[in-house]
Amino acid sequence: MDLSVLSIPLPEDLMKLKWNGQFELMKEMIDLRIQKDIPYQLKERLILEKNILDDLKREFIYTKEEALEILRNKISGFQDREFDDLFKEGAFEFLFIEGIMMFKYDFYDNLIKTRNAYALRNKETITNDQYQLLDQVITQMKNEGELSYKIHVKTSLKIKEEYEKIGKTIRVWLPIPIEYAQVEDFKIIKTTPKATLINDSNYKHRCVYFEVTLQKDQEFSVEYEFVNHSIYQELDSNIVTNEHPHEYLEEKAPHIVFSSYLKALTKEIIGNEENPLLKAKKIYDYITSHVMYSFVRLYITLPPIAEYAATGMKGDCGIQATLFITMCRIAGIPARWQAGLYATPQTIGNHDWAQFYIAPYGWLYADCSFGGTAYRHQSSLRRDFYFGHLEPFRIPCASEFQYELYPVKKFLRRDPYDNQTGEVEYIDAYIPRDHYDMTLEMIDISEKE
């Protein structure tokens, strides 16, 4: 599927309907329009938009009154006027559906994650053990220069019972680590059922692939382990040169696009600086201090992501990474995607970050979302560390933004840009993301001597 067609703007009449949430009428008009003699790319854009509308309806599930009730029940002393103030600050993702303002399913989790004052008023206990662990590990890495963790994970996917189509051919992709960068000693322990195909060790969206006849109550899973070996080195701008590879400098529509606004903003941020390391640091410092972390809707439903972040001043880890990559490329610094899972003894979940190339160091890391959290927590230790380095709690399953699965998926992917949650379809039919469950299980993680 050619995602670059998302760069084509919707016709104005359809856009008006979209932002008023008139989705059913909009789909009827799209069906009529694609039957006419219109340009091929515009037709592809409109067909893709029908899928996007369905995804939007699944994500925005609370009315304003329902959202208020959740906040009153979970936050001590919450007042209605606070909701209005938070709304004006951009704290809530909202959308109109059939003319009614609706709020995203995870609006409360986002508020607690990004506004510490409300986390402190939460009626349920929230701990900061994660940040204590990171401070300890970062300090250890700085003292020792390297650190390795052995990570053992199981990823599973299962069609919900009410949506099973027993006897139909089903295709499943489960992400596994790419054997490069910080990944060492990777091995697959078990797949259930037996895998039809395992991607090459360096495939950019690497997966275990299954193609079987679906059985009742069938689970698809892969269990693997590897060593994450991370290094720390003090970065010295005085020894940096302008040498670099001639890849990872280009645009990639629809999201890594060098708009006039982004080019002007990049110039404003870096000024007359010519040292590549210092230019990248200025971009990192700007994003971590200006772009607020925020859960967002599915990326397939978003306008150009880098510009979305740079105008709305908010976005999650992948949006911030995309903005960093785009601005680095505008500044002449090769930058690329690295993403997959973040896994510690306490948690495991999806996460995205970036790499950028600086000679003589080679490929360095930038985690703007972790750096932004550190900035808000006034932790210079963590903020400085995540420019250039990562701790050994990463499982990289994607080394490129927007890359095809292999074998190629026939229907629209749950996430066509990243490789974290797994993908599934019937041989002849799309499977909506609310028709199946994904499970990530941390079996073991420990420091490797």
Protein backbone atom coordinates (compact mmCIF):
# COMPACT_ATOMS: atom_id res chain seq x y z
CA MET A 1 0.00 0.00 0.00
CA ASP A 2 1.45 3.36 -1.06
CA LEU A 3 1.28 5.47 2.10
CA SER A 4 2.75 8.48 0.30
CA VAL A 5 -0.77 9.21 -0.99
CA LEU A 6 -1.55 10.48 2.51
CA SER A 7 0.36 13.61 1.45
CA ILE A 8 -2.53 14.37 -0.92
CA PRO A 9 -4.99 16.69 0.86
CA LEU A 10 -8.58 15.59 1.11
CA PRO A 11 -11.07 17.57 -0.97
CA GLU A 12 -12.38 20.46 1.10
CA ASP A 13 -15.96 19.22 1.32
CA LEU A 14 -14.79 15.88 2.71
CA MET A 15 -12.44 17.57 5.15
CA LYS A 16 -15.29 19.68 6.51
CA LEU A 17 -17.31 16.53 7.14
CA LYS A 18 -14.35 14.77 8.73
CA TRP A 19 -13.67 17.40 11.37
CA ASN A 20 -17.37 17.60 12.23
CA GLY A 21 -17.36 13.81 12.63
CA GLN A 22 -19.87 13.11 9.85
CA PHE A 23 -18.14 9.83 9.10
CA GLU A 24 -21.00 7.83 7.63
CA LEU A 25 -21.99 10.57 5.19
CA MET A 26 -18.34 11.03 4.31
CA LYS A 27 -17.92 7.32 3.49
CA GLU A 28 -21.03 7.42 1.28
CA MET A 29 -19.56 10.37 -0.63
CA ILE A 30 -16.20 8.62 -0.99
CA ASP A 31 -17.92 5.54 -2.43
CA LEU A 32 -19.65 7.71 -5.02
CA ARG A 33 -16.50 9.65 -5.87
CA ILE A 34 -14.19 6.66 -6.41
CA GLN A 35 -16.62 5.31 -9.03
CA LYS A 36 -15.98 8.39 -11.16
CA ASP A 37 -13.06 9.10 -13.48
CA ILE A 38 -10.67 10.64 -10.93
CA PRO A 39 -6.85 10.47 -10.73
CA TYR A 40 -5.52 7.11 -9.55
CA GLN A 41 -3.60 8.55 -6.59
CA LEU A 42 -6.60 10.54 -5.38
CA LYS A 43 -8.70 7.38 -5.58
CA GLU A 44 -6.11 5.51 -3.47
CA ARG A 45 -6.12 8.39 -0.98
CA LEU A 46 -9.90 8.24 -0.59
CA ILE A 47 -9.97 4.45 -0.18
CA LEU A 48 -7.33 4.70 2.54
CA GLU A 49 -9.34 7.43 4.26
CA LYS A 50 -12.28 5.03 4.77
CA ASN A 51 -10.03 2.79 6.88
CA ILE A 52 -8.80 5.80 8.84
CA LEU A 53 -12.36 6.84 9.73
CA ASP A 54 -13.08 3.42 11.22
CA ASP A 55 -9.92 3.63 13.34
CA LEU A 56 -10.88 7.06 14.65
CA LYS A 57 -14.27 5.81 15.85
CA ARG A 58 -12.60 3.00 17.81
CA GLU A 59 -10.25 5.38 19.67
CA PHE A 60 -12.58 8.17 20.81
CA ILE A 61 -15.13 6.61 23.14
CA TYR A 62 -15.96 9.07 25.98
CA THR A 63 -18.30 12.05 25.92
CA LYS A 64 -17.26 15.11 27.91
CA GLU A 65 -19.59 14.17 30.77
CA GLU A 66 -18.22 10.62 30.87
CA ALA A 67 -14.67 11.96 30.92
CA LEU A 68 -15.55 14.36 33.74
CA GLU A 69 -17.06 11.53 35.77
CA ILE A 70 -13.87 9.47 35.43
CA LEU A 71 -11.77 12.40 36.62
CA ARG A 72 -14.06 13.12 39.58
CA ASN A 73 -13.87 9.47 40.64
CA LYS A 74 -10.10 9.07 40.28
CA ILE A 75 -8.59 12.44 41.26
CA SER A 76 -9.12 13.86 44.73
CA GLY A 77 -11.10 17.10 44.73
CA PHE A 78 -11.30 17.38 40.95
CA GLN A 79 -13.38 20.38 39.84
CA ASP A 80 -15.18 20.85 36.52
CA ARG A 81 -13.33 24.13 35.88
CA GLU A 82 -10.05 22.18 35.96
CA PHE A 83 -11.26 20.18 32.99
CA ASP A 84 -11.79 23.37 30.99
CA ASP A 85 -8.34 24.68 31.92
CA LEU A 86 -6.68 21.39 30.95
CA PHE A 87 -8.63 21.33 27.69
CA LYS A 88 -7.35 24.80 26.78
CA GLU A 89 -3.79 23.64 27.55
CA GLY A 90 -4.15 20.79 25.06
CA ALA A 91 -4.07 18.05 27.70
CA PHE A 92 -6.85 15.99 26.10
CA GLU A 93 -7.10 14.38 22.68
CA PHE A 94 -10.60 14.98 21.34
CA LEU A 95 -12.56 14.55 18.15
CA PHE A 96 -16.09 15.20 16.91
CA ILE A 97 -18.05 12.09 15.96
CA GLU A 98 -21.44 12.73 14.38
CA GLY A 99 -21.16 16.26 15.75
CA ILE A 100 -20.50 15.22 19.37
CA MET A 101 -17.17 15.98 21.07
CA MET A 102 -15.55 12.68 22.10
CA PHE A 103 -12.39 12.01 24.10
CA LYS A 104 -9.74 9.35 23.56
CA TYR A 105 -9.91 6.08 25.50
CA ASP A 106 -6.60 6.73 27.33
CA PHE A 107 -7.11 10.42 28.14
CA TYR A 108 -6.87 9.78 31.90
CA ASP A 109 -3.66 7.74 31.67
CA ASN A 110 -2.14 10.50 29.58
CA LEU A 111 -3.05 13.15 32.14
CA ILE A 112 -1.45 11.20 35.00
CA LYS A 113 1.68 10.49 32.97
CA THR A 114 2.29 14.07 31.86
CA ARG A 115 0.97 16.25 34.73
CA ASN A 116 2.66 15.37 37.99
CA ALA A 117 0.32 17.58 40.04
CA TYR A 118 -2.58 15.33 39.03
CA ALA A 119 -0.57 12.16 39.53
CA LEU A 120 -0.05 13.26 43.14
CA ARG A 121 -3.83 13.67 43.56
CA ASN A 122 -4.59 10.28 42.03
CA LYS A 123 -6.52 8.08 44.47
CA GLU A 124 -4.42 5.08 43.44
CA THR A 125 -0.77 4.90 44.50
CA ILE A 126 1.78 5.71 41.78
CA THR A 127 5.46 4.95 42.31
CA ASN A 128 8.58 6.41 40.69
CA ASP A 129 10.59 3.19 40.88
CA GLN A 130 11.28 3.37 37.14
CA TYR A 131 13.17 6.66 37.44
CA GLN A 132 15.18 5.42 40.41
CA LEU A 133 16.20 2.36 38.38
CA LEU A 134 17.21 4.51 35.41
CA ASP A 135 19.29 6.81 37.60
CA GLN A 136 21.12 3.79 39.05
CA VAL A 137 21.74 2.17 35.67
CA ILE A 138 22.85 5.40 34.00
CA THR A 139 25.27 6.12 36.83
CA GLN A 140 26.65 2.58 36.54
CA MET A 141 27.10 2.96 32.77
CA LYS A 142 28.91 6.26 33.16
CA ASN A 143 31.25 4.75 35.75
CA GLU A 144 31.93 1.48 33.91
CA GLY A 145 31.60 2.56 30.27
CA GLU A 146 29.28 -0.32 29.32
CA LEU A 147 26.50 -2.50 30.65
CA SER A 148 24.76 -5.64 29.39
CA TYR A 149 21.39 -7.15 30.27
CA LYS A 150 20.07 -10.54 29.20
CA ILE A 151 16.40 -10.24 28.20
CA HIS A 152 13.91 -13.11 27.79
CA VAL A 153 10.50 -12.20 26.33
CA LYS A 154 7.37 -13.87 25.01
CA THR A 155 5.05 -12.15 22.51
CA SER A 156 1.59 -13.59 21.81
CA LEU A 157 -1.39 -12.85 19.58
CA LYS A 158 -4.85 -14.39 19.78
CA ILE A 159 -8.09 -13.75 17.91
CA LYS A 160 -10.94 -13.03 20.32
CA GLU A 161 -13.34 -15.96 20.55
CA GLU A 162 -16.31 -14.06 19.13
CA TYR A 163 -14.31 -13.14 15.99
CA GLU A 164 -12.65 -16.50 15.25
CA LYS A 165 -13.20 -17.85 11.73
CA ILE A 166 -12.27 -21.47 12.30
CA GLY A 167 -10.82 -23.22 9.26
CA LYS A 168 -9.82 -20.02 7.44
CA THR A 169 -6.20 -19.34 6.49
CA ILE A 170 -4.72 -16.75 8.80
CA ARG A 171 -1.46 -14.79 8.48
CA VAL A 172 0.37 -13.52 11.59
CA TRP A 173 3.54 -11.43 12.01
CA LEU A 174 5.18 -11.21 15.48
CA PRO A 175 8.13 -8.80 15.93
CA ILE A 176 11.56 -10.06 17.01
CA PRO A 177 14.88 -8.19 17.51
CA ILE A 178 17.11 -7.23 14.61
CA GLU A 179 20.62 -8.58 15.16
CA TYR A 180 22.59 -5.33 14.93
CA ALA A 181 23.62 -2.33 17.04
CA GLN A 182 23.19 -3.25 20.72
CA VAL A 183 21.74 -6.76 20.11
CA GLU A 184 24.01 -9.75 20.81
CA ASP A 185 23.55 -13.54 21.25
CA PHE A 186 19.98 -13.59 19.94
CA LYS A 187 18.12 -16.88 19.80
CA ILE A 188 14.54 -18.01 19.36
CA ILE A 189 13.56 -20.41 22.11
CA LYS A 190 10.14 -21.44 20.83
CA THR A 191 7.35 -20.54 18.42
CA THR A 192 3.76 -21.75 18.68
CA PRO A 193 2.74 -23.11 16.25
CA LYS A 194 5.85 -23.81 14.20
CA ALA A 195 6.84 -20.67 12.30
CA THR A 196 6.25 -20.62 8.56
CA LEU A 197 9.11 -18.14 8.09
CA ILE A 198 11.63 -16.20 10.18
CA ASN A 199 12.97 -12.99 8.64
CA ASP A 200 16.68 -12.57 8.02
CA SER A 201 18.64 -11.33 11.02
CA ASN A 202 18.97 -7.77 9.70
CA TYR A 203 15.53 -7.29 8.09
CA LYS A 204 14.37 -3.76 8.95
CA HIS A 205 10.95 -4.78 10.29
CA ARG A 206 11.92 -8.24 11.50
CA CYS A 207 9.22 -10.79 12.36
CA VAL A 208 8.35 -14.41 12.85
CA TYR A 209 5.64 -15.21 10.28
CA PHE A 210 2.83 -17.78 10.51
CA GLU A 211 0.44 -18.84 7.77
CA VAL A 212 -1.88 -21.63 8.94
CA THR A 213 -5.49 -22.75 9.09
CA LEU A 214 -7.02 -21.20 12.19
CA GLN A 215 -7.96 -23.62 14.95
CA LYS A 216 -10.35 -22.94 17.82
CA ASP A 217 -8.81 -20.93 20.69
CA GLN A 218 -5.45 -20.83 18.89
CA GLU A 219 -2.61 -18.66 20.19
CA PHE A 220 0.38 -17.53 18.13
CA SER A 221 3.54 -16.81 20.07
CA VAL A 222 7.31 -16.41 19.90
CA GLU A 223 9.66 -16.69 22.84
CA TYR A 224 13.20 -15.34 22.47
CA GLU A 225 16.21 -14.08 24.40
CA PHE A 226 19.21 -11.88 23.65
CA VAL A 227 21.84 -9.72 25.29
CA ASN A 228 21.54 -5.95 25.06
CA HIS A 229 25.06 -4.54 25.24
CA SER A 230 25.08 -0.76 25.68
CA ILE A 231 28.11 1.49 25.87
CA TYR A 232 28.76 4.95 27.28
CA GLN A 233 31.33 7.44 26.01
CA GLU A 234 31.79 11.12 26.73
CA LEU A 235 31.08 13.05 23.53
CA ASP A 236 33.64 15.70 22.56
CA SER A 237 32.54 18.21 19.93
CA ASN A 238 36.17 19.22 19.39
CA ILE A 239 37.00 15.96 17.58
CA VAL A 240 33.84 15.85 15.47
CA THR A 241 34.15 16.03 11.68
CA ASN A 242 31.63 16.56 8.89
CA GLU A 243 32.17 13.09 7.41
CA HIS A 244 29.00 11.02 7.19
CA PRO A 245 27.20 8.43 5.05
CA HIS A 246 25.07 9.75 2.20
CA GLU A 247 21.94 7.91 3.27
CA TYR A 248 19.26 8.76 5.83
CA LEU A 249 19.26 12.38 4.66
CA GLU A 250 16.20 12.28 2.42
CA GLU A 251 12.51 13.01 2.80
CA LYS A 252 10.06 10.14 3.13
CA ALA A 253 6.43 11.10 2.53
CA PRO A 254 4.01 11.45 4.12
CA HIS A 255 5.70 12.12 7.48
CA ILE A 256 9.39 12.92 7.04
CA VAL A 257 8.87 15.97 4.87
CA PHE A 258 10.99 19.15 4.71
CA SER A 259 8.21 21.72 4.82
CA SER A 260 9.04 25.43 4.69
CA TYR A 261 7.97 25.72 8.35
CA LEU A 262 10.25 22.90 9.52
CA LYS A 263 13.18 24.28 7.54
CA ALA A 264 12.67 27.71 9.06
CA LEU A 265 12.29 26.26 12.57
CA THR A 266 15.45 24.17 12.20
CA LYS A 267 17.38 27.24 11.08
CA GLU A 268 15.98 29.21 14.03
CA ILE A 269 17.09 26.50 16.47
CA ILE A 270 20.61 25.82 15.19
CA GLY A 271 21.44 29.38 14.17
CA ASN A 272 24.96 29.68 12.78
CA GLU A 273 26.21 26.49 14.43
CA GLU A 274 28.19 24.30 12.01
CA ASN A 275 29.40 21.48 14.27
CA PRO A 276 27.14 18.44 13.60
CA LEU A 277 27.14 17.24 17.22
CA LEU A 278 26.21 20.67 18.55
CA LYS A 279 23.52 21.10 15.89
CA ALA A 280 21.95 17.80 16.89
CA LYS A 281 22.18 18.79 20.56
CA LYS A 282 20.36 22.06 19.89
CA ILE A 283 17.56 20.16 18.14
CA TYR A 284 17.36 17.65 21.01
CA ASP A 285 17.30 20.41 23.63
CA TYR A 286 14.51 22.22 21.78
CA ILE A 287 12.30 19.14 21.47
CA THR A 288 12.82 17.99 25.06
CA SER A 289 12.00 21.45 26.42
CA HIS A 290 9.17 22.45 24.06
CA VAL A 291 7.27 19.32 22.96
CA MET A 292 5.11 17.88 25.73
CA TYR A 293 4.77 14.10 25.85
CA SER A 294 1.23 13.08 24.97
CA PHE A 295 -0.55 9.90 23.92
CA VAL A 296 -1.96 10.34 20.42
CA ARG A 297 -4.30 8.52 18.10
CA LEU A 298 -3.04 5.94 15.61
CA TYR A 299 -0.30 7.35 13.37
CA ILE A 300 -2.22 6.34 10.24
CA THR A 301 -4.85 8.92 11.24
CA LEU A 302 -2.38 11.80 11.71
CA PRO A 303 -1.32 14.55 9.29
CA PRO A 304 2.45 14.82 8.54
CA ILE A 305 3.87 13.80 11.90
CA ALA A 306 6.96 16.00 12.16
CA GLU A 307 4.99 19.15 11.39
CA TYR A 308 2.15 17.97 13.65
CA ALA A 309 4.62 17.88 16.57
CA ALA A 310 6.30 21.16 15.69
CA THR A 311 3.02 23.08 15.50
CA GLY A 312 0.97 21.36 18.23
CA MET A 313 4.00 21.11 20.56
CA LYS A 314 2.98 17.67 21.80
CA GLY A 315 3.34 14.04 20.84
CA ASP A 316 4.40 10.62 22.03
CA CYS A 317 7.82 8.94 21.74
CA GLY A 318 7.50 8.11 18.04
CA ILE A 319 6.25 11.56 17.10
CA GLN A 320 9.14 13.19 18.93
CA ALA A 321 11.60 10.77 17.30
CA THR A 322 10.16 11.57 13.87
CA LEU A 323 10.53 15.30 14.50
CA PHE A 324 14.14 14.82 15.64
CA ILE A 325 14.96 12.69 12.58
CA THR A 326 13.34 15.18 10.19
CA MET A 327 15.08 18.22 11.65
CA CYS A 328 18.45 16.45 11.76
CA ARG A 329 18.11 15.56 8.09
CA ILE A 330 17.20 19.15 7.25
CA ALA A 331 20.37 20.18 9.10
CA GLY A 332 22.46 17.73 7.05
CA ILE A 333 22.86 15.13 9.82
CA PRO A 334 21.98 11.51 8.89
CA ALA A 335 19.24 10.28 11.23
CA ARG A 336 17.15 7.14 11.32
CA TRP A 337 14.52 5.22 13.25
CA GLN A 338 15.10 2.60 15.91
CA ALA A 339 12.15 1.20 17.80
CA GLY A 340 10.52 -1.81 19.38
CA LEU A 341 10.05 -2.39 23.09
CA TYR A 342 11.22 -0.89 26.35
CA ALA A 343 11.68 -3.69 28.89
CA THR A 344 12.77 -3.50 32.53
CA PRO A 345 12.18 -5.75 35.55
CA GLN A 346 9.13 -3.55 36.25
CA THR A 347 7.51 -3.03 32.84
CA ILE A 348 7.45 -3.91 29.16
CA GLY A 349 5.80 -1.95 26.38
CA ASN A 350 6.11 -0.23 23.02
CA HIS A 351 8.68 2.51 22.58
CA ASP A 352 10.37 4.52 19.79
CA TRP A 353 13.60 6.52 19.66
CA ALA A 354 16.12 7.76 17.08
CA GLN A 355 19.70 7.36 15.91
CA PHE A 356 21.91 10.04 14.37
CA TYR A 357 25.35 9.82 12.80
CA ILE A 358 28.30 11.82 14.09
CA ALA A 359 31.90 11.15 13.02
CA PRO A 360 34.10 9.79 14.53
CA TYR A 361 31.57 8.18 16.91
CA GLY A 362 29.29 6.62 14.31
CA TRP A 363 25.61 6.03 15.09
CA LEU A 364 24.49 7.61 18.37
CA TYR A 365 21.08 7.53 20.06
CA ALA A 366 18.52 10.18 20.95
CA ASP A 367 15.46 9.46 23.08
CA CYS A 368 13.61 12.77 23.11
CA SER A 369 10.60 11.51 25.09
CA PHE A 370 12.76 10.19 27.95
CA GLY A 371 14.84 13.36 27.72
CA GLY A 372 11.68 15.49 27.90
CA THR A 373 10.47 13.64 30.99
CA ALA A 374 13.87 14.22 32.58
CA TYR A 375 13.62 17.92 31.71
CA ARG A 376 10.23 18.19 33.42
CA HIS A 377 11.62 16.28 36.43
CA GLN A 378 14.69 18.55 36.47
CA SER A 379 17.02 15.56 36.08
CA SER A 380 20.10 16.69 34.16
CA LEU A 381 21.58 13.20 34.63
CA ARG A 382 18.88 11.55 32.52
CA ARG A 383 18.35 14.41 30.08
CA ASP A 384 22.04 14.62 29.19
CA PHE A 385 22.39 10.83 28.97
CA TYR A 386 19.60 10.33 26.43
CA PHE A 387 21.41 12.55 23.95
CA GLY A 388 23.89 10.06 22.53
CA HIS A 389 23.13 7.01 24.67
CA LEU A 390 20.57 4.42 25.74
CA GLU A 391 20.36 2.13 28.75
CA PRO A 392 20.27 -1.63 28.01
CA PHE A 393 16.48 -1.97 28.35
CA ARG A 394 15.65 -1.78 24.64
CA ILE A 395 14.42 -4.44 22.20
CA PRO A 396 14.93 -3.02 18.67
CA CYS A 397 12.57 -4.70 16.17
CA ALA A 398 12.53 -1.85 13.60
CA SER A 399 15.47 0.01 12.07
CA GLU A 400 13.46 2.00 9.55
CA PHE A 401 10.35 4.16 9.67
CA GLN A 402 7.64 2.99 7.25
CA TYR A 403 8.96 -0.30 5.85
CA GLU A 404 7.22 -3.33 4.35
CA LEU A 405 6.72 -6.54 6.26
CA TYR A 406 7.94 -9.72 4.64
CA PRO A 407 5.91 -11.48 3.37
CA VAL A 408 4.00 -8.35 2.40
CA LYS A 409 0.69 -7.79 4.18
CA LYS A 410 -2.26 -7.61 1.79
CA PHE A 411 -4.51 -5.41 3.91
CA LEU A 412 -3.81 -2.22 5.86
CA ARG A 413 -1.46 -2.74 8.78
CA ARG A 414 -2.38 -1.89 12.33
CA ASP A 415 0.75 0.26 12.29
CA PRO A 416 2.24 0.75 8.82
CA TYR A 417 5.14 2.80 10.16
CA ASP A 418 6.49 0.73 13.05
CA ASN A 419 7.00 -2.90 14.11
CA GLN A 420 6.02 -3.43 17.75
CA THR A 421 2.58 -4.87 18.31
CA GLY A 422 2.29 -7.59 15.68
CA GLU A 423 0.03 -7.82 12.63
CA VAL A 424 -2.66 -10.26 11.53
CA GLU A 425 -5.09 -10.82 8.66
CA TYR A 426 -7.07 -13.59 7.02
CA ILE A 427 -5.80 -14.60 3.62
CA ASP A 428 -8.78 -12.80 2.08
CA ALA A 429 -9.95 -10.34 4.74
CA TYR A 430 -8.84 -7.48 6.98
CA ILE A 431 -8.97 -8.08 10.76
CA PRO A 432 -9.73 -4.93 12.83
CA ARG A 433 -7.38 -4.31 15.76
CA ASP A 434 -10.17 -4.74 18.32
CA HIS A 435 -10.78 -8.31 17.11
CA TYR A 436 -7.60 -9.70 18.66
CA ASP A 437 -5.38 -9.39 21.74
CA MET A 438 -1.62 -8.88 21.91
CA THR A 439 0.35 -9.89 25.00
CA LEU A 440 3.92 -9.00 25.99
CA GLU A 441 5.39 -11.10 28.76
CA MET A 442 8.72 -10.39 30.48
CA ILE A 443 9.95 -13.86 31.47
CA ASP A 444 13.36 -12.80 32.77
CA ILE A 445 15.71 -9.84 32.68
CA SER A 446 19.00 -9.61 34.55
CA GLU A 447 22.37 -7.93 34.36
CA LYS A 448 24.93 -10.00 32.50
CA GLU A 449 28.33 -10.21 34.16
